[in-house]
Protein backbone atom coordinates (compact mmCIF):
# COMPACT_ATOMS: atom_id res chain seq x y z
CA UNK A 1 31.04 41.67 -27.01
CA UNK A 2 34.15 39.85 -27.70
CA UNK A 3 34.30 36.62 -29.83
CA UNK A 4 34.63 34.38 -26.57
CA UNK A 5 31.57 35.80 -25.13
CA UNK A 6 29.68 35.31 -28.42
CA UNK A 7 30.86 31.83 -28.40
CA UNK A 8 29.65 31.28 -24.99
CA UNK A 9 26.15 32.50 -26.18
CA UNK A 10 26.08 30.23 -28.99
CA UNK A 11 27.02 27.35 -26.58
CA UNK A 12 24.04 28.27 -24.70
CA UNK A 13 21.67 28.68 -27.74
CA UNK A 14 23.01 25.32 -28.88
CA UNK A 15 23.33 22.53 -26.09
CA UNK A 16 20.07 22.72 -24.69
CA UNK A 17 18.25 22.06 -28.16
CA UNK A 18 20.88 19.63 -29.13
CA UNK A 19 20.26 17.55 -25.99
CA UNK A 20 16.59 17.60 -25.77
CA UNK A 21 16.63 16.86 -29.64
CA UNK A 22 18.86 13.76 -29.19
CA UNK A 23 16.72 12.50 -26.43
CA UNK A 24 13.57 12.59 -28.52
CA UNK A 25 15.35 10.94 -31.67
CA UNK A 26 16.32 8.23 -28.93
CA UNK A 27 12.99 7.72 -27.81
CA UNK A 28 11.36 7.88 -31.21
CA UNK A 29 13.99 5.60 -33.13
CA UNK A 30 15.74 3.79 -30.46
CA UNK A 31 13.05 2.97 -28.13
CA UNK A 32 9.63 3.04 -29.82
CA UNK A 33 11.28 2.01 -33.22
CA UNK A 34 8.96 4.44 -34.87
CA UNK A 35 8.80 4.22 -38.99
CA UNK A 36 8.16 6.83 -41.14
CA UNK A 37 8.68 10.76 -40.94
CA UNK A 38 5.31 11.70 -39.18
CA UNK A 39 6.87 11.68 -35.53
CA UNK A 40 9.70 13.42 -36.78
CA UNK A 41 7.55 16.11 -38.59
CA UNK A 42 5.43 16.49 -35.46
CA UNK A 43 8.53 16.98 -33.15
CA UNK A 44 9.82 19.40 -35.59
CA UNK A 45 6.91 21.76 -35.50
CA UNK A 46 6.36 21.20 -31.53
CA UNK A 47 10.15 22.21 -31.10
CA UNK A 48 10.05 25.09 -33.25
CA UNK A 49 7.00 26.61 -31.36
CA UNK A 50 8.04 25.46 -27.86
CA UNK A 51 11.53 24.51 -27.17
CA UNK A 52 13.41 26.97 -29.25
CA UNK A 53 11.94 29.89 -28.08
CA UNK A 54 12.47 28.78 -24.74
CA UNK A 55 16.16 28.16 -25.28
CA UNK A 56 16.50 31.65 -26.76
CA UNK A 57 14.84 32.95 -23.78
CA UNK A 58 16.94 31.04 -21.39
CA UNK A 59 20.39 31.83 -23.42
CA UNK A 60 19.65 35.64 -23.53
CA UNK A 61 18.62 36.07 -19.84
CA UNK A 62 22.44 34.67 -18.99
CA UNK A 63 25.21 37.06 -18.26
CA UNK A 64 28.24 36.78 -20.68
CA UNK A 65 31.24 38.22 -19.02
CA UNK A 66 30.31 41.76 -18.15
CA UNK A 67 27.44 41.94 -20.69
CA UNK A 68 23.68 40.81 -20.39
CA UNK A 69 20.98 41.08 -23.00
CA UNK A 70 18.08 43.38 -22.25
CA UNK A 71 15.18 43.32 -22.38
CA UNK A 72 13.68 40.15 -20.84
CA UNK A 73 12.18 38.37 -23.73
CA UNK A 74 8.60 37.22 -23.89
CA UNK A 75 7.50 34.33 -25.92
CA UNK A 76 6.68 36.27 -29.05
CA UNK A 77 9.98 38.14 -28.84
CA UNK A 78 12.06 35.03 -28.24
CA UNK A 79 10.23 33.70 -31.30
CA UNK A 80 11.12 36.30 -33.71
CA UNK A 81 14.81 36.29 -32.39
CA UNK A 82 14.95 32.49 -32.94
CA UNK A 83 13.64 32.77 -36.27
CA UNK A 84 16.43 35.26 -37.34
CA UNK A 85 18.99 32.83 -35.89
CA UNK A 86 17.45 29.71 -37.47
CA UNK A 87 17.11 30.86 -40.82
CA UNK A 88 20.38 32.56 -41.19
CA UNK A 89 21.94 29.37 -39.82
CA UNK A 90 20.17 27.35 -42.17
CA UNK A 91 21.62 29.37 -45.23
CA UNK A 92 24.88 29.13 -44.16
CA UNK A 93 24.88 25.56 -43.20
CA UNK A 94 23.50 24.60 -46.75
CA UNK A 95 26.40 26.92 -48.22
CA UNK A 96 28.81 24.84 -46.05
CA UNK A 97 27.10 21.62 -47.06
CA UNK A 98 27.34 22.16 -50.86
CA UNK A 99 31.15 22.78 -50.33
CA UNK A 100 31.65 19.52 -48.39
CA UNK A 101 29.53 17.63 -51.12
CA UNK A 102 31.94 19.09 -53.77
CA UNK A 103 35.07 18.40 -51.80
CA UNK A 104 33.78 14.88 -51.12
CA UNK A 105 32.89 14.44 -54.79
CA UNK A 106 36.41 15.65 -55.63
CA UNK A 107 38.16 13.02 -53.66
CA UNK A 108 35.93 10.18 -55.24
CA UNK A 109 33.45 9.72 -52.37
CA UNK A 110 29.89 9.82 -53.80
CA UNK A 111 26.70 8.89 -52.53
CA UNK A 112 27.08 5.23 -52.88
CA UNK A 113 30.00 5.20 -50.16
CA UNK A 114 26.96 5.70 -47.67
CA UNK A 115 24.87 2.72 -47.20
CA UNK A 116 21.43 2.96 -46.33
CA UNK A 117 21.32 3.39 -42.55
CA UNK A 118 18.48 3.02 -40.07
CA UNK A 119 16.35 5.97 -38.97
CA UNK A 120 18.04 6.09 -35.60
CA UNK A 121 21.40 6.72 -37.31
CA UNK A 122 20.28 9.00 -39.69
CA UNK A 123 18.22 11.06 -37.36
CA UNK A 124 21.33 11.18 -34.68
CA UNK A 125 23.58 12.15 -37.51
CA UNK A 126 21.18 15.24 -38.61
CA UNK A 127 20.70 16.23 -35.14
CA UNK A 128 24.34 16.37 -34.51
CA UNK A 129 25.09 18.07 -37.97
CA UNK A 130 22.53 20.73 -36.84
CA UNK A 131 24.11 21.31 -33.41
CA UNK A 132 27.58 21.71 -35.04
CA UNK A 133 26.38 23.90 -37.57
CA UNK A 134 24.57 26.10 -34.89
CA UNK A 135 27.46 26.24 -32.61
CA UNK A 136 30.01 27.33 -35.62
CA UNK A 137 27.84 29.90 -37.07
CA UNK A 138 25.81 31.63 -34.17
CA UNK A 139 28.91 33.42 -33.01
CA UNK A 140 29.03 35.00 -36.44
CA UNK A 141 25.31 35.92 -36.28
CA UNK A 142 24.99 37.41 -32.85
CA UNK A 143 26.17 40.65 -33.69
CA UNK A 144 23.56 40.91 -36.37
CA UNK A 145 20.77 39.75 -33.90
CA UNK A 146 21.83 42.44 -31.55
CA UNK A 147 21.85 45.24 -34.06
CA UNK A 148 18.57 44.30 -35.92
CA UNK A 149 15.50 46.45 -35.01
CA UNK A 150 12.57 43.91 -34.52
CA UNK A 151 9.05 45.01 -34.61
CA UNK A 152 8.04 46.08 -31.13
CA UNK A 153 11.64 45.77 -29.31
CA UNK A 154 15.13 45.96 -29.85
CA UNK A 155 17.69 43.81 -28.04
CA UNK A 156 20.73 45.86 -26.12
CA UNK A 157 23.80 44.66 -24.68
CA UNK A 158 23.97 46.32 -21.04
CA UNK A 159 26.96 46.18 -19.33
CA UNK A 160 26.95 45.07 -15.52
CA UNK A 161 29.96 46.43 -13.73
CA UNK A 162 30.66 44.84 -10.38
CA UNK A 163 30.78 47.18 -7.52
CA UNK A 164 34.12 47.38 -5.98
CA UNK A 165 34.61 45.19 -3.15
CA UNK A 166 34.69 46.80 0.32
CA UNK A 167 37.96 47.27 2.05
CA UNK A 168 37.92 44.65 4.82
CA UNK A 169 41.78 45.41 5.93
CA UNK A 170 41.80 46.60 9.58
CA UNK A 171 43.22 50.09 10.09
CA UNK A 172 45.79 50.55 12.66
CA UNK A 173 45.23 53.22 15.11
CA UNK A 174 47.50 56.36 14.21
CA UNK A 175 49.97 57.55 16.88
CA UNK A 176 50.15 60.97 17.65
């Protein structure tokens, strides 16, 4: 699977969750003006067990170039694949955040430069950062996802070759 196809798969793994997450954040903090972290925590747990596995199942069911991922995933299988992608993305994101933090500190921008923001702005920023890190790091993690032997199943790339189009040209009768 070439990088472009992995990037398309990363996009399909990212945009549905990002869009749903932004909508929930907008409703919770923009419309309902919910205070505290309880609603965010409930959403995090609910999305972990419902939305994220659905996004993985949906993305891995699509065709990328001439490749399709097999087998079709059950809920439990998609939860296992989602967990692998999530924790590895989190580790890479934290490492990247450390580098960005060190660069900001080196150029003289400290935590005091960021004033206290509203929960809406803070959560929208966190959602955007999560989506961006997933989009950046997922293409690098997809080969490991495909190589891993999960308990009870293994993902495989299946090449789907289009049958050649039938010859529709009219043939002229031969003269004898």
